[in-house]
């Protein structure tokens, strides 16, 4: 994985970890569940991150096969 993509993945993971931690604390401390839109946003970001990582993996797999 190139350094820039690695940095992008690290940045995304840190952001998602922060968001999920805030949601967890809200549930744990206040008993308040996150809004459905918040959850959809996190899921969309996780899907984008997966595509970023899988896209790089597919390129490596194709070049290794050659």
C-alpha atoms as a PDB file:
ATOM      1  CA  UNK A   1       0.000   0.000   0.000  1.00  0.00           C
ATOM      2  CA  UNK A   2       1.388   3.378  -0.935  1.00  0.00           C
ATOM      3  CA  UNK A   3       2.154   5.787   1.871  1.00  0.00           C
ATOM      4  CA  UNK A   4      -0.587   8.242   0.880  1.00  0.00           C
ATOM      5  CA  UNK A   5      -3.262   5.528   0.842  1.00  0.00           C
ATOM      6  CA  UNK A   6      -1.907   4.224   4.125  1.00  0.00           C
ATOM      7  CA  UNK A   7      -2.219   7.722   5.592  1.00  0.00           C
ATOM      8  CA  UNK A   8      -5.775   7.980   4.254  1.00  0.00           C
ATOM      9  CA  UNK A   9      -6.720   4.672   5.849  1.00  0.00           C
ATOM     10  CA  UNK A  10      -5.158   5.667   9.169  1.00  0.00           C
ATOM     11  CA  UNK A  11      -6.986   8.999   9.115  1.00  0.00           C
ATOM     12  CA  UNK A  12     -10.325   7.328   8.311  1.00  0.00           C
ATOM     13  CA  UNK A  13      -9.853   4.738  11.032  1.00  0.00           C
ATOM     14  CA  UNK A  14      -9.024   7.362  13.643  1.00  0.00           C
ATOM     15  CA  UNK A  15     -12.092   9.385  12.722  1.00  0.00           C
ATOM     16  CA  UNK A  16     -14.375   6.347  12.759  1.00  0.00           C
ATOM     17  CA  UNK A  17     -12.939   5.175  16.074  1.00  0.00           C
ATOM     18  CA  UNK A  18     -13.659   8.605  17.582  1.00  0.00           C
ATOM     19  CA  UNK A  19     -17.208   8.650  16.243  1.00  0.00           C
ATOM     20  CA  UNK A  20     -17.935   5.126  17.456  1.00  0.00           C
ATOM     21  CA  UNK A  21     -16.437   5.883  20.863  1.00  0.00           C
ATOM     22  CA  UNK A  22     -18.731   8.919  21.198  1.00  0.00           C
ATOM     23  CA  UNK A  23     -21.753   6.808  20.234  1.00  0.00           C
ATOM     24  CA  UNK A  24     -20.777   4.133  22.744  1.00  0.00           C
ATOM     25  CA  UNK A  25     -20.373   6.666  25.539  1.00  0.00           C
ATOM     26  CA  UNK A  26     -23.780   8.145  24.720  1.00  0.00           C
ATOM     27  CA  UNK A  27     -25.393   4.729  24.959  1.00  0.00           C
ATOM     28  CA  UNK A  28     -23.493   3.742  28.079  1.00  0.00           C
ATOM     29  CA  UNK A  29     -23.814   6.981  30.045  1.00  0.00           C
ATOM     30  CA  UNK A  30     -27.143   8.415  28.924  1.00  0.00           C
ATOM     31  CA  UNK A  31     -28.948   5.444  27.410  1.00  0.00           C
ATOM     32  CA  UNK A  32     -29.370   7.494  24.226  1.00  0.00           C
ATOM     33  CA  UNK A  33     -29.081   5.661  20.963  1.00  0.00           C
ATOM     34  CA  UNK A  34     -27.588   7.413  17.927  1.00  0.00           C
ATOM     35  CA  UNK A  35     -29.803   8.721  15.173  1.00  0.00           C
ATOM     36  CA  UNK A  36     -30.276   6.361  12.214  1.00  0.00           C
ATOM     37  CA  UNK A  37     -28.603   8.945   9.957  1.00  0.00           C
ATOM     38  CA  UNK A  38     -25.480   8.882  12.116  1.00  0.00           C
ATOM     39  CA  UNK A  39     -25.307   5.113  11.822  1.00  0.00           C
ATOM     40  CA  UNK A  40     -25.834   5.259   8.057  1.00  0.00           C
ATOM     41  CA  UNK A  41     -23.014   7.792   7.815  1.00  0.00           C
ATOM     42  CA  UNK A  42     -20.615   5.562   9.752  1.00  0.00           C
ATOM     43  CA  UNK A  43     -21.569   2.558   7.614  1.00  0.00           C
ATOM     44  CA  UNK A  44     -21.012   4.576   4.412  1.00  0.00           C
ATOM     45  CA  UNK A  45     -17.588   5.663   5.656  1.00  0.00           C
ATOM     46  CA  UNK A  46     -16.673   2.083   6.536  1.00  0.00           C
ATOM     47  CA  UNK A  47     -17.752   0.961   3.053  1.00  0.00           C
ATOM     48  CA  UNK A  48     -15.644   3.694   1.441  1.00  0.00           C
ATOM     49  CA  UNK A  49     -12.668   2.649   3.542  1.00  0.00           C
ATOM     50  CA  UNK A  50     -13.180  -0.983   2.562  1.00  0.00           C
ATOM     51  CA  UNK A  51     -13.289  -0.015  -1.110  1.00  0.00           C
ATOM     52  CA  UNK A  52     -10.071   1.959  -0.711  1.00  0.00           C
ATOM     53  CA  UNK A  53      -8.324  -1.005   0.884  1.00  0.00           C
ATOM     54  CA  UNK A  54      -9.818  -3.643  -1.436  1.00  0.00           C
ATOM     55  CA  UNK A  55      -9.055  -1.562  -4.511  1.00  0.00           C
ATOM     56  CA  UNK A  56      -5.403  -1.547  -3.544  1.00  0.00           C
ATOM     57  CA  UNK A  57      -5.478  -5.285  -2.788  1.00  0.00           C
ATOM     58  CA  UNK A  58      -7.024  -6.081  -6.176  1.00  0.00           C
ATOM     59  CA  UNK A  59      -4.312  -4.104  -7.963  1.00  0.00           C
ATOM     60  CA  UNK A  60      -1.589  -5.948  -6.049  1.00  0.00           C
ATOM     61  CA  UNK A  61      -3.237  -9.324  -6.722  1.00  0.00           C
ATOM     62  CA  UNK A  62      -3.461  -8.624 -10.450  1.00  0.00           C
ATOM     63  CA  UNK A  63       0.156  -7.502 -10.676  1.00  0.00           C
ATOM     64  CA  UNK A  64       1.335 -10.551  -8.713  1.00  0.00           C
ATOM     65  CA  UNK A  65      -0.543 -12.867 -11.084  1.00  0.00           C
ATOM     66  CA  UNK A  66       1.230 -11.371 -14.105  1.00  0.00           C
END
